[in-house]
């Protein structure tokens, strides 16, 4: 009986861990975060990336966040500056560092459109 209880506890733990996203995590960086991935602690959290400018230079922040904080602008201190950062959320593992994937898809679409236009 103890064995079945222990097995059930392990199964619940595995399912609950699998439900949490893995997101890139960094605080105010000059480049997009594509390392330092961590598991979110709550199953309802999403991955986020915040983007802003400080003295004309792009600044990034990323990690896990509550859905209610998505699509909002926040102010964070960066050295002596206050930086306004736009918050974008996504719901897949490590999706908060994958803007290069979206750019690649856009490039493929543009090249396909151009090549099809040439065959008319």
C-alpha atoms as a PDB file:
ATOM      1  CA  UNK A   1       0.000   0.000   0.000  1.00  0.00           C
ATOM      2  CA  UNK A   2       2.846   2.384   0.847  1.00  0.00           C
ATOM      3  CA  UNK A   3       4.373   1.630  -2.540  1.00  0.00           C
ATOM      4  CA  UNK A   4       1.188   2.635  -4.392  1.00  0.00           C
ATOM      5  CA  UNK A   5       0.924   5.855  -2.365  1.00  0.00           C
ATOM      6  CA  UNK A   6       4.568   6.712  -3.113  1.00  0.00           C
ATOM      7  CA  UNK A   7       4.089   5.898  -6.795  1.00  0.00           C
ATOM      8  CA  UNK A   8       1.020   8.155  -6.906  1.00  0.00           C
ATOM      9  CA  UNK A   9       2.952  11.013  -5.276  1.00  0.00           C
ATOM     10  CA  UNK A  10       5.784  10.663  -7.800  1.00  0.00           C
ATOM     11  CA  UNK A  11       3.288  10.648 -10.689  1.00  0.00           C
ATOM     12  CA  UNK A  12       1.582  13.813  -9.408  1.00  0.00           C
ATOM     13  CA  UNK A  13       4.971  15.510  -8.977  1.00  0.00           C
ATOM     14  CA  UNK A  14       6.031  14.600 -12.530  1.00  0.00           C
ATOM     15  CA  UNK A  15       2.766  15.849 -14.019  1.00  0.00           C
ATOM     16  CA  UNK A  16       2.929  19.114 -12.077  1.00  0.00           C
ATOM     17  CA  UNK A  17       6.552  19.721 -13.099  1.00  0.00           C
ATOM     18  CA  UNK A  18       5.758  18.970 -16.736  1.00  0.00           C
ATOM     19  CA  UNK A  19       2.981  21.574 -16.691  1.00  0.00           C
ATOM     20  CA  UNK A  20       5.413  24.406 -15.893  1.00  0.00           C
ATOM     21  CA  UNK A  21       7.084  26.220 -18.765  1.00  0.00           C
ATOM     22  CA  UNK A  22      10.818  26.569 -19.218  1.00  0.00           C
ATOM     23  CA  UNK A  23      11.697  30.187 -20.029  1.00  0.00           C
ATOM     24  CA  UNK A  24      14.870  32.144 -20.655  1.00  0.00           C
ATOM     25  CA  UNK A  25      15.646  34.358 -17.666  1.00  0.00           C
ATOM     26  CA  UNK A  26      17.712  37.540 -17.465  1.00  0.00           C
ATOM     27  CA  UNK A  27      17.354  40.958 -15.888  1.00  0.00           C
ATOM     28  CA  UNK A  28      18.102  44.029 -18.019  1.00  0.00           C
ATOM     29  CA  UNK A  29      20.500  42.856 -20.692  1.00  0.00           C
ATOM     30  CA  UNK A  30      21.724  44.584 -23.866  1.00  0.00           C
ATOM     31  CA  UNK A  31      20.942  41.488 -25.933  1.00  0.00           C
ATOM     32  CA  UNK A  32      18.027  39.039 -26.123  1.00  0.00           C
ATOM     33  CA  UNK A  33      18.286  36.285 -23.531  1.00  0.00           C
ATOM     34  CA  UNK A  34      18.962  32.926 -25.131  1.00  0.00           C
ATOM     35  CA  UNK A  35      20.637  31.198 -22.207  1.00  0.00           C
ATOM     36  CA  UNK A  36      19.908  30.728 -18.538  1.00  0.00           C
ATOM     37  CA  UNK A  37      16.613  28.891 -19.003  1.00  0.00           C
ATOM     38  CA  UNK A  38      14.687  28.156 -15.800  1.00  0.00           C
ATOM     39  CA  UNK A  39      11.439  26.352 -15.033  1.00  0.00           C
ATOM     40  CA  UNK A  40       8.573  28.583 -13.974  1.00  0.00           C
ATOM     41  CA  UNK A  41       7.403  27.903 -10.425  1.00  0.00           C
ATOM     42  CA  UNK A  42       3.654  28.101 -11.120  1.00  0.00           C
ATOM     43  CA  UNK A  43       1.739  26.139 -13.757  1.00  0.00           C
ATOM     44  CA  UNK A  44      -0.232  29.210 -14.901  1.00  0.00           C
ATOM     45  CA  UNK A  45       2.850  31.382 -15.557  1.00  0.00           C
ATOM     46  CA  UNK A  46       3.874  32.354 -19.086  1.00  0.00           C
ATOM     47  CA  UNK A  47       7.246  33.218 -20.575  1.00  0.00           C
ATOM     48  CA  UNK A  48       7.803  36.937 -21.135  1.00  0.00           C
ATOM     49  CA  UNK A  49      10.229  39.217 -22.873  1.00  0.00           C
ATOM     50  CA  UNK A  50      10.365  42.912 -22.075  1.00  0.00           C
ATOM     51  CA  UNK A  51      11.927  45.291 -24.587  1.00  0.00           C
ATOM     52  CA  UNK A  52      12.773  48.959 -24.212  1.00  0.00           C
ATOM     53  CA  UNK A  53      15.397  51.593 -24.983  1.00  0.00           C
ATOM     54  CA  UNK A  54      17.886  53.286 -22.660  1.00  0.00           C
ATOM     55  CA  UNK A  55      19.881  56.160 -24.142  1.00  0.00           C
ATOM     56  CA  UNK A  56      19.079  54.839 -27.650  1.00  0.00           C
ATOM     57  CA  UNK A  57      20.233  51.282 -26.863  1.00  0.00           C
ATOM     58  CA  UNK A  58      17.834  48.327 -26.743  1.00  0.00           C
ATOM     59  CA  UNK A  59      17.407  46.731 -23.320  1.00  0.00           C
ATOM     60  CA  UNK A  60      15.844  43.310 -22.650  1.00  0.00           C
ATOM     61  CA  UNK A  61      14.490  41.421 -19.667  1.00  0.00           C
ATOM     62  CA  UNK A  62      12.877  37.982 -19.632  1.00  0.00           C
ATOM     63  CA  UNK A  63      11.576  35.204 -17.419  1.00  0.00           C
ATOM     64  CA  UNK A  64       8.273  33.838 -16.078  1.00  0.00           C
ATOM     65  CA  UNK A  65       5.262  36.017 -15.348  1.00  0.00           C
ATOM     66  CA  UNK A  66       1.598  35.920 -14.397  1.00  0.00           C
ATOM     67  CA  UNK A  67      -0.753  36.245 -17.418  1.00  0.00           C
ATOM     68  CA  UNK A  68      -2.277  39.375 -15.869  1.00  0.00           C
ATOM     69  CA  UNK A  69       1.064  41.187 -16.340  1.00  0.00           C
ATOM     70  CA  UNK A  70       1.244  40.510 -20.099  1.00  0.00           C
ATOM     71  CA  UNK A  71       0.889  43.212 -22.765  1.00  0.00           C
ATOM     72  CA  UNK A  72       1.726  45.990 -20.327  1.00  0.00           C
ATOM     73  CA  UNK A  73       4.473  48.578 -20.126  1.00  0.00           C
ATOM     74  CA  UNK A  74       6.536  48.695 -16.946  1.00  0.00           C
ATOM     75  CA  UNK A  75       9.324  50.954 -15.703  1.00  0.00           C
ATOM     76  CA  UNK A  76      12.510  49.410 -14.386  1.00  0.00           C
ATOM     77  CA  UNK A  77      15.644  51.068 -13.062  1.00  0.00           C
ATOM     78  CA  UNK A  78      18.749  50.612 -15.164  1.00  0.00           C
ATOM     79  CA  UNK A  79      21.856  52.205 -13.661  1.00  0.00           C
ATOM     80  CA  UNK A  80      20.829  55.883 -13.267  1.00  0.00           C
ATOM     81  CA  UNK A  81      18.018  55.622 -15.861  1.00  0.00           C
ATOM     82  CA  UNK A  82      14.402  54.541 -15.694  1.00  0.00           C
ATOM     83  CA  UNK A  83      13.536  52.383 -18.673  1.00  0.00           C
ATOM     84  CA  UNK A  84      10.014  51.767 -20.032  1.00  0.00           C
ATOM     85  CA  UNK A  85       9.752  48.163 -21.179  1.00  0.00           C
ATOM     86  CA  UNK A  86       6.927  46.612 -23.244  1.00  0.00           C
ATOM     87  CA  UNK A  87       5.950  43.148 -21.993  1.00  0.00           C
ATOM     88  CA  UNK A  88       5.233  40.401 -24.538  1.00  0.00           C
ATOM     89  CA  UNK A  89       4.201  36.914 -23.396  1.00  0.00           C
ATOM     90  CA  UNK A  90       4.181  33.476 -24.996  1.00  0.00           C
ATOM     91  CA  UNK A  91       3.175  29.993 -23.889  1.00  0.00           C
ATOM     92  CA  UNK A  92       5.763  27.503 -25.177  1.00  0.00           C
ATOM     93  CA  UNK A  93       9.062  26.370 -23.691  1.00  0.00           C
ATOM     94  CA  UNK A  94      11.848  28.907 -24.356  1.00  0.00           C
ATOM     95  CA  UNK A  95       9.618  30.978 -26.627  1.00  0.00           C
ATOM     96  CA  UNK A  96      10.813  34.251 -25.065  1.00  0.00           C
ATOM     97  CA  UNK A  97      14.121  34.148 -26.920  1.00  0.00           C
ATOM     98  CA  UNK A  98      12.921  32.995 -30.319  1.00  0.00           C
ATOM     99  CA  UNK A  99      12.373  36.197 -32.286  1.00  0.00           C
ATOM    100  CA  UNK A 100      14.861  34.843 -34.829  1.00  0.00           C
ATOM    101  CA  UNK A 101      12.335  32.089 -35.663  1.00  0.00           C
ATOM    102  CA  UNK A 102       9.638  34.653 -36.431  1.00  0.00           C
ATOM    103  CA  UNK A 103      12.111  36.628 -38.579  1.00  0.00           C
ATOM    104  CA  UNK A 104      13.087  33.480 -40.467  1.00  0.00           C
ATOM    105  CA  UNK A 105       9.445  32.649 -41.187  1.00  0.00           C
ATOM    106  CA  UNK A 106       8.881  36.199 -42.442  1.00  0.00           C
ATOM    107  CA  UNK A 107      11.937  35.919 -44.699  1.00  0.00           C
ATOM    108  CA  UNK A 108      10.743  32.573 -46.118  1.00  0.00           C
ATOM    109  CA  UNK A 109       7.280  34.043 -46.787  1.00  0.00           C
ATOM    110  CA  UNK A 110       8.785  37.111 -48.518  1.00  0.00           C
ATOM    111  CA  UNK A 111      11.109  35.026 -50.710  1.00  0.00           C
ATOM    112  CA  UNK A 112       8.291  32.643 -51.644  1.00  0.00           C
ATOM    113  CA  UNK A 113       6.033  35.571 -52.553  1.00  0.00           C
ATOM    114  CA  UNK A 114       8.750  37.135 -54.692  1.00  0.00           C
ATOM    115  CA  UNK A 115       9.501  33.886 -56.494  1.00  0.00           C
ATOM    116  CA  UNK A 116       5.808  33.232 -57.177  1.00  0.00           C
ATOM    117  CA  UNK A 117       5.376  36.780 -58.480  1.00  0.00           C
ATOM    118  CA  UNK A 118       8.180  36.115 -60.969  1.00  0.00           C
ATOM    119  CA  UNK A 119       6.302  33.164 -62.498  1.00  0.00           C
ATOM    120  CA  UNK A 120       3.230  35.177 -63.572  1.00  0.00           C
END
